Amino acid sequence: MAELRTPPGRAGRMRLRHSLAVARRGADLLDQKLRILRARHEALLAAEHTAQDRWHERLREAETWLRRGLLLGGEATLDALPPTRPAEVEIVWTSTMGVRHPQTASCVVPEREPDALSPANTALIHAEAAYAEAVRAAAEYAVARAAARAVGAEVLSTRQRVRALQRHWIPQLEQALTRADLALEQSEHEDAVRRRWAARVLEDGT
């Protein structure tokens, strides 16, 4: 980094002290934020893994029932079923330390119309219900994954900012303040020497 440019004398030293105090306070606050975000991120990652396992379990269950239904009735039984309306998903959002992310998902899977053709066998009826559960589980997993990614990105960003302050900006300010202290001390010493010299000159002149 380039050397800091500050006004000479006491004004420059006061400005450096203020900047250093602000930087240290900022680093402390960001460090606190980072600890909270890390804890939240770990919880969200655990929720993501749980939601993923549940989704995979529901999907395997649905596929098992589908295979049984196809073995009983053949693929033609699926072609005979009417198309269904798409599921509707509503997301509830929240915020963690200023990071906006999804919190929950409400997924509504439309039921078959009362007069619609029913699946040809019981296995396909079970498959239909199991796939509806899998869709709901997929929505929950998508929310958990998105939340973990959003907070995780903020963890990385905050960690970089903390490191930049602690490893670069604060040491640079401390070095500049040390130089300013030495320069001011030297200037005050030189002024004292000049005053003593001027006083001796006046005494000798009298």
C-alpha atoms as a PDB file:
ATOM      1  CA  MET A   1       0.000   0.000   0.000  1.00  0.00           C
ATOM      2  CA  ALA A   2       1.082   3.549  -0.620  1.00  0.00           C
ATOM      3  CA  GLU A   3       2.250   5.591   2.329  1.00  0.00           C
ATOM      4  CA  LEU A   4      -0.461   7.584   4.055  1.00  0.00           C
ATOM      5  CA  ARG A   5      -0.453  11.311   3.463  1.00  0.00           C
ATOM      6  CA  THR A   6      -1.394  13.327   6.530  1.00  0.00           C
ATOM      7  CA  PRO A   7      -0.928  16.989   7.473  1.00  0.00           C
ATOM      8  CA  PRO A   8       2.267  17.648   9.420  1.00  0.00           C
ATOM      9  CA  GLY A   9       2.342  18.449  13.116  1.00  0.00           C
ATOM     10  CA  ARG A  10      -0.263  17.905  15.788  1.00  0.00           C
ATOM     11  CA  ALA A  11      -3.220  18.137  13.385  1.00  0.00           C
ATOM     12  CA  GLY A  12      -1.886  15.233  11.355  1.00  0.00           C
ATOM     13  CA  ARG A  13      -1.224  13.170  14.465  1.00  0.00           C
ATOM     14  CA  MET A  14      -4.748  13.808  15.769  1.00  0.00           C
ATOM     15  CA  ARG A  15      -6.211  12.751  12.442  1.00  0.00           C
ATOM     16  CA  LEU A  16      -4.163   9.545  12.475  1.00  0.00           C
ATOM     17  CA  ARG A  17      -5.224   8.730  16.009  1.00  0.00           C
ATOM     18  CA  HIS A  18      -8.856   9.229  15.082  1.00  0.00           C
ATOM     19  CA  SER A  19      -8.533   7.089  11.951  1.00  0.00           C
ATOM     20  CA  LEU A  20      -6.781   4.358  13.936  1.00  0.00           C
ATOM     21  CA  ALA A  21      -9.486   4.358  16.608  1.00  0.00           C
ATOM     22  CA  VAL A  22     -12.193   4.143  13.936  1.00  0.00           C
ATOM     23  CA  ALA A  23     -10.372   1.301  12.156  1.00  0.00           C
ATOM     24  CA  ARG A  24      -9.912  -0.678  15.365  1.00  0.00           C
ATOM     25  CA  ARG A  25     -13.548  -0.197  16.319  1.00  0.00           C
ATOM     26  CA  GLY A  26     -14.624  -1.239  12.836  1.00  0.00           C
ATOM     27  CA  ALA A  27     -12.458  -4.349  12.994  1.00  0.00           C
ATOM     28  CA  ASP A  28     -13.965  -5.299  16.362  1.00  0.00           C
ATOM     29  CA  LEU A  29     -17.519  -4.871  15.074  1.00  0.00           C
ATOM     30  CA  LEU A  30     -16.809  -6.841  11.914  1.00  0.00           C
ATOM     31  CA  ASP A  31     -15.179  -9.578  13.971  1.00  0.00           C
ATOM     32  CA  GLN A  32     -18.311  -9.819  16.130  1.00  0.00           C
ATOM     33  CA  LYS A  33     -20.443  -9.936  12.990  1.00  0.00           C
ATOM     34  CA  LEU A  34     -18.218 -12.657  11.571  1.00  0.00           C
ATOM     35  CA  ARG A  35     -18.622 -14.846  14.654  1.00  0.00           C
ATOM     36  CA  ILE A  36     -22.424 -14.520  14.490  1.00  0.00           C
ATOM     37  CA  LEU A  37     -22.461 -15.232  10.761  1.00  0.00           C
ATOM     38  CA  ARG A  38     -20.247 -18.291  11.152  1.00  0.00           C
ATOM     39  CA  ALA A  39     -22.539 -19.765  13.793  1.00  0.00           C
ATOM     40  CA  ARG A  40     -25.587 -19.061  11.650  1.00  0.00           C
ATOM     41  CA  HIS A  41     -23.882 -20.478   8.572  1.00  0.00           C
ATOM     42  CA  GLU A  42     -23.074 -23.716  10.367  1.00  0.00           C
ATOM     43  CA  ALA A  43     -26.714 -24.041  11.431  1.00  0.00           C
ATOM     44  CA  LEU A  44     -27.904 -23.363   7.888  1.00  0.00           C
ATOM     45  CA  LEU A  45     -25.483 -25.916   6.441  1.00  0.00           C
ATOM     46  CA  ALA A  46     -26.810 -28.523   8.873  1.00  0.00           C
ATOM     47  CA  ALA A  47     -30.375 -27.628   7.856  1.00  0.00           C
ATOM     48  CA  GLU A  48     -29.385 -27.877   4.198  1.00  0.00           C
ATOM     49  CA  HIS A  49     -27.924 -31.366   4.644  1.00  0.00           C
ATOM     50  CA  THR A  50     -31.009 -32.503   6.562  1.00  0.00           C
ATOM     51  CA  ALA A  51     -33.324 -31.102   3.875  1.00  0.00           C
ATOM     52  CA  GLN A  52     -31.257 -32.708   1.130  1.00  0.00           C
ATOM     53  CA  ASP A  53     -31.398 -36.116   2.815  1.00  0.00           C
ATOM     54  CA  ARG A  54     -35.157 -35.790   3.281  1.00  0.00           C
ATOM     55  CA  TRP A  55     -35.638 -34.816  -0.370  1.00  0.00           C
ATOM     56  CA  HIS A  56     -33.552 -37.758  -1.605  1.00  0.00           C
ATOM     57  CA  GLU A  57     -35.465 -40.107   0.705  1.00  0.00           C
ATOM     58  CA  ARG A  58     -38.854 -38.881  -0.525  1.00  0.00           C
ATOM     59  CA  LEU A  59     -37.699 -39.090  -4.132  1.00  0.00           C
ATOM     60  CA  ARG A  60     -36.453 -42.665  -3.735  1.00  0.00           C
ATOM     61  CA  GLU A  61     -39.745 -43.609  -2.126  1.00  0.00           C
ATOM     62  CA  ALA A  62     -41.710 -42.052  -4.995  1.00  0.00           C
ATOM     63  CA  GLU A  63     -39.564 -43.768  -7.623  1.00  0.00           C
ATOM     64  CA  THR A  64     -40.015 -47.108  -5.865  1.00  0.00           C
ATOM     65  CA  TRP A  65     -43.804 -46.792  -5.978  1.00  0.00           C
ATOM     66  CA  LEU A  66     -43.638 -45.649  -9.608  1.00  0.00           C
ATOM     67  CA  ARG A  67     -41.626 -48.708 -10.639  1.00  0.00           C
ATOM     68  CA  ARG A  68     -44.131 -50.967  -8.877  1.00  0.00           C
ATOM     69  CA  GLY A  69     -47.009 -49.228 -10.604  1.00  0.00           C
ATOM     70  CA  LEU A  70     -45.365 -49.556 -14.019  1.00  0.00           C
ATOM     71  CA  LEU A  71     -44.669 -53.234 -13.433  1.00  0.00           C
ATOM     72  CA  LEU A  72     -48.325 -53.762 -12.633  1.00  0.00           C
ATOM     73  CA  GLY A  73     -49.892 -51.665 -15.384  1.00  0.00           C
ATOM     74  CA  GLY A  74     -47.196 -50.812 -17.914  1.00  0.00           C
ATOM     75  CA  GLU A  75     -46.137 -47.396 -19.201  1.00  0.00           C
ATOM     76  CA  ALA A  76     -49.440 -46.910 -20.968  1.00  0.00           C
ATOM     77  CA  THR A  77     -51.058 -46.289 -17.595  1.00  0.00           C
ATOM     78  CA  LEU A  78     -49.054 -43.058 -17.276  1.00  0.00           C
ATOM     79  CA  ASP A  79     -49.911 -41.862 -20.773  1.00  0.00           C
ATOM     80  CA  ALA A  80     -53.590 -42.227 -19.962  1.00  0.00           C
ATOM     81  CA  LEU A  81     -53.408 -39.874 -16.961  1.00  0.00           C
ATOM     82  CA  PRO A  82     -54.372 -36.217 -17.547  1.00  0.00           C
ATOM     83  CA  PRO A  83     -51.746 -33.491 -17.107  1.00  0.00           C
ATOM     84  CA  THR A  84     -51.585 -31.826 -13.708  1.00  0.00           C
ATOM     85  CA  ARG A  85     -51.228 -28.185 -12.793  1.00  0.00           C
ATOM     86  CA  PRO A  86     -47.788 -27.044 -11.553  1.00  0.00           C
ATOM     87  CA  ALA A  87     -47.053 -26.725  -7.863  1.00  0.00           C
ATOM     88  CA  GLU A  88     -47.120 -23.281  -6.280  1.00  0.00           C
ATOM     89  CA  VAL A  89     -44.319 -22.196  -3.956  1.00  0.00           C
ATOM     90  CA  GLU A  90     -44.390 -19.195  -1.633  1.00  0.00           C
ATOM     91  CA  ILE A  91     -41.147 -18.075  -0.014  1.00  0.00           C
ATOM     92  CA  VAL A  92     -40.867 -16.322   3.354  1.00  0.00           C
ATOM     93  CA  TRP A  93     -37.746 -14.173   3.599  1.00  0.00           C
ATOM     94  CA  THR A  94     -35.712 -13.135   6.620  1.00  0.00           C
ATOM     95  CA  SER A  95     -32.417 -11.387   7.396  1.00  0.00           C
ATOM     96  CA  THR A  96     -29.293 -12.389   9.309  1.00  0.00           C
ATOM     97  CA  MET A  97     -26.908  -9.530  10.167  1.00  0.00           C
ATOM     98  CA  GLY A  98     -28.169  -7.612   7.147  1.00  0.00           C
ATOM     99  CA  VAL A  99     -28.041 -10.619   4.797  1.00  0.00           C
ATOM    100  CA  ARG A 100     -31.441 -11.250   3.189  1.00  0.00           C
ATOM    101  CA  HIS A 101     -32.152 -14.912   2.540  1.00  0.00           C
ATOM    102  CA  PRO A 102     -35.132 -17.285   2.295  1.00  0.00           C
ATOM    103  CA  GLN A 103     -36.376 -18.745   5.562  1.00  0.00           C
ATOM    104  CA  THR A 104     -39.199 -21.143   4.703  1.00  0.00           C
ATOM    105  CA  ALA A 105     -41.109 -22.369   1.678  1.00  0.00           C
ATOM    106  CA  SER A 106     -44.814 -23.106   1.516  1.00  0.00           C
ATOM    107  CA  CYS A 107     -45.411 -25.530  -1.328  1.00  0.00           C
ATOM    108  CA  VAL A 108     -48.916 -26.409  -2.540  1.00  0.00           C
ATOM    109  CA  VAL A 109     -49.203 -29.380  -4.874  1.00  0.00           C
ATOM    110  CA  PRO A 110     -52.560 -29.310  -6.699  1.00  0.00           C
ATOM    111  CA  GLU A 111     -54.750 -32.329  -6.150  1.00  0.00           C
ATOM    112  CA  ARG A 112     -56.382 -34.251  -8.967  1.00  0.00           C
ATOM    113  CA  GLU A 113     -59.688 -32.936 -10.152  1.00  0.00           C
ATOM    114  CA  PRO A 114     -62.585 -34.962  -8.737  1.00  0.00           C
ATOM    115  CA  ASP A 115     -63.687 -36.050 -12.210  1.00  0.00           C
ATOM    116  CA  ALA A 116     -60.142 -36.731 -13.462  1.00  0.00           C
ATOM    117  CA  LEU A 117     -59.043 -40.218 -14.355  1.00  0.00           C
ATOM    118  CA  SER A 118     -57.456 -41.997 -11.376  1.00  0.00           C
ATOM    119  CA  PRO A 119     -54.209 -43.997 -11.593  1.00  0.00           C
ATOM    120  CA  ALA A 120     -54.719 -47.558 -12.778  1.00  0.00           C
ATOM    121  CA  ASN A 121     -53.450 -49.249  -9.617  1.00  0.00           C
ATOM    122  CA  THR A 122     -52.765 -48.657  -5.941  1.00  0.00           C
ATOM    123  CA  ALA A 123     -49.002 -48.427  -6.446  1.00  0.00           C
ATOM    124  CA  LEU A 124     -49.427 -45.458  -8.793  1.00  0.00           C
ATOM    125  CA  ILE A 125     -51.740 -43.790  -6.287  1.00  0.00           C
ATOM    126  CA  HIS A 126     -49.005 -44.140  -3.671  1.00  0.00           C
ATOM    127  CA  ALA A 127     -46.483 -42.855  -6.203  1.00  0.00           C
ATOM    128  CA  GLU A 128     -48.626 -39.787  -6.844  1.00  0.00           C
ATOM    129  CA  ALA A 129     -48.734 -38.945  -3.127  1.00  0.00           C
ATOM    130  CA  ALA A 130     -45.035 -39.706  -2.690  1.00  0.00           C
ATOM    131  CA  TYR A 131     -44.052 -37.427  -5.572  1.00  0.00           C
ATOM    132  CA  ALA A 132     -46.116 -34.629  -4.019  1.00  0.00           C
ATOM    133  CA  GLU A 133     -44.112 -35.070  -0.797  1.00  0.00           C
ATOM    134  CA  ALA A 134     -40.898 -35.100  -2.824  1.00  0.00           C
ATOM    135  CA  VAL A 135     -41.837 -31.803  -4.466  1.00  0.00           C
ATOM    136  CA  ARG A 136     -42.464 -30.229  -1.056  1.00  0.00           C
ATOM    137  CA  ALA A 137     -39.174 -31.607   0.224  1.00  0.00           C
ATOM    138  CA  ALA A 138     -37.398 -30.224  -2.850  1.00  0.00           C
ATOM    139  CA  ALA A 139     -38.797 -26.757  -2.143  1.00  0.00           C
ATOM    140  CA  GLU A 140     -37.584 -26.944   1.456  1.00  0.00           C
ATOM    141  CA  TYR A 141     -34.157 -28.077   0.305  1.00  0.00           C
ATOM    142  CA  ALA A 142     -33.950 -25.253  -2.243  1.00  0.00           C
ATOM    143  CA  VAL A 143     -34.709 -22.707   0.483  1.00  0.00           C
ATOM    144  CA  ALA A 144     -32.158 -24.220   2.878  1.00  0.00           C
ATOM    145  CA  ARG A 145     -29.498 -24.318   0.174  1.00  0.00           C
ATOM    146  CA  ALA A 146     -30.110 -20.729  -0.942  1.00  0.00           C
ATOM    147  CA  ALA A 147     -29.983 -19.498   2.654  1.00  0.00           C
ATOM    148  CA  ALA A 148     -26.723 -21.300   3.346  1.00  0.00           C
ATOM    149  CA  ARG A 149     -25.178 -19.923   0.142  1.00  0.00           C
ATOM    150  CA  ALA A 150     -26.236 -16.341   0.897  1.00  0.00           C
ATOM    151  CA  VAL A 151     -24.916 -16.338   4.462  1.00  0.00           C
ATOM    152  CA  GLY A 152     -21.787 -18.230   3.382  1.00  0.00           C
ATOM    153  CA  ALA A 153     -20.997 -15.552   0.809  1.00  0.00           C
ATOM    154  CA  GLU A 154     -21.333 -12.876   3.487  1.00  0.00           C
ATOM    155  CA  VAL A 155     -19.012 -14.865   5.768  1.00  0.00           C
ATOM    156  CA  LEU A 156     -16.325 -14.796   3.079  1.00  0.00           C
ATOM    157  CA  SER A 157     -16.842 -11.092   2.377  1.00  0.00           C
ATOM    158  CA  THR A 158     -16.758 -10.131   6.064  1.00  0.00           C
ATOM    159  CA  ARG A 159     -13.665 -12.272   6.683  1.00  0.00           C
ATOM    160  CA  GLN A 160     -11.852 -10.487   3.851  1.00  0.00           C
ATOM    161  CA  ARG A 161     -12.781  -7.085   5.287  1.00  0.00           C
ATOM    162  CA  VAL A 162     -11.595  -8.067   8.763  1.00  0.00           C
ATOM    163  CA  ARG A 163      -8.295  -9.324   7.388  1.00  0.00           C
ATOM    164  CA  ALA A 164      -7.820  -6.183   5.316  1.00  0.00           C
ATOM    165  CA  LEU A 165      -8.276  -4.034   8.436  1.00  0.00           C
ATOM    166  CA  GLN A 166      -6.233  -6.173  10.805  1.00  0.00           C
ATOM    167  CA  ARG A 167      -3.372  -7.089   8.470  1.00  0.00           C
ATOM    168  CA  HIS A 168      -3.045  -3.996   6.315  1.00  0.00           C
ATOM    169  CA  TRP A 169      -4.993  -0.863   7.191  1.00  0.00           C
ATOM    170  CA  ILE A 170      -4.502  -0.856  10.984  1.00  0.00           C
ATOM    171  CA  PRO A 171      -0.740  -1.683  10.811  1.00  0.00           C
ATOM    172  CA  GLN A 172      -0.335   1.037   8.187  1.00  0.00           C
ATOM    173  CA  LEU A 173      -2.060   3.565  10.429  1.00  0.00           C
ATOM    174  CA  GLU A 174       0.030   2.471  13.414  1.00  0.00           C
ATOM    175  CA  GLN A 175       3.235   2.908  11.431  1.00  0.00           C
ATOM    176  CA  ALA A 176       2.117   6.309  10.181  1.00  0.00           C
ATOM    177  CA  LEU A 177       1.257   7.362  13.736  1.00  0.00           C
ATOM    178  CA  THR A 178       4.659   6.234  14.958  1.00  0.00           C
ATOM    179  CA  ARG A 179       6.334   8.282  12.240  1.00  0.00           C
ATOM    180  CA  ALA A 180       4.161  11.272  13.104  1.00  0.00           C
ATOM    181  CA  ASP A 181       5.048  10.966  16.809  1.00  0.00           C
ATOM    182  CA  LEU A 182       8.757  10.789  16.019  1.00  0.00           C
ATOM    183  CA  ALA A 183       8.547  13.704  13.602  1.00  0.00           C
ATOM    184  CA  LEU A 184       6.647  15.823  16.111  1.00  0.00           C
ATOM    185  CA  GLU A 185       9.048  14.911  18.893  1.00  0.00           C
ATOM    186  CA  GLN A 186      12.004  15.829  16.712  1.00  0.00           C
ATOM    187  CA  SER A 187      10.346  19.094  15.678  1.00  0.00           C
ATOM    188  CA  GLU A 188       9.643  20.006  19.305  1.00  0.00           C
ATOM    189  CA  HIS A 189      13.213  19.142  20.249  1.00  0.00           C
ATOM    190  CA  GLU A 190      14.576  21.321  17.458  1.00  0.00           C
ATOM    191  CA  ASP A 191      12.290  24.180  18.529  1.00  0.00           C
ATOM    192  CA  ALA A 192      13.563  23.861  22.095  1.00  0.00           C
ATOM    193  CA  VAL A 193      17.170  23.928  20.910  1.00  0.00           C
ATOM    194  CA  ARG A 194      16.495  27.020  18.792  1.00  0.00           C
ATOM    195  CA  ARG A 195      14.804  28.770  21.720  1.00  0.00           C
ATOM    196  CA  ARG A 196      17.737  28.020  24.007  1.00  0.00           C
ATOM    197  CA  TRP A 197      20.160  29.218  21.356  1.00  0.00           C
ATOM    198  CA  ALA A 198      18.119  32.386  20.813  1.00  0.00           C
ATOM    199  CA  ALA A 199      18.022  32.984  24.566  1.00  0.00           C
ATOM    200  CA  ARG A 200      21.827  32.655  24.832  1.00  0.00           C
ATOM    201  CA  VAL A 201      22.275  35.016  21.916  1.00  0.00           C
ATOM    202  CA  LEU A 202      20.080  37.578  23.659  1.00  0.00           C
ATOM    203  CA  GLU A 203      21.968  37.132  26.922  1.00  0.00           C
ATOM    204  CA  ASP A 204      25.334  37.497  25.187  1.00  0.00           C
ATOM    205  CA  GLY A 205      24.071  40.566  23.381  1.00  0.00           C
ATOM    206  CA  THR A 206      23.125  42.258  26.578  1.00  0.00           C
END
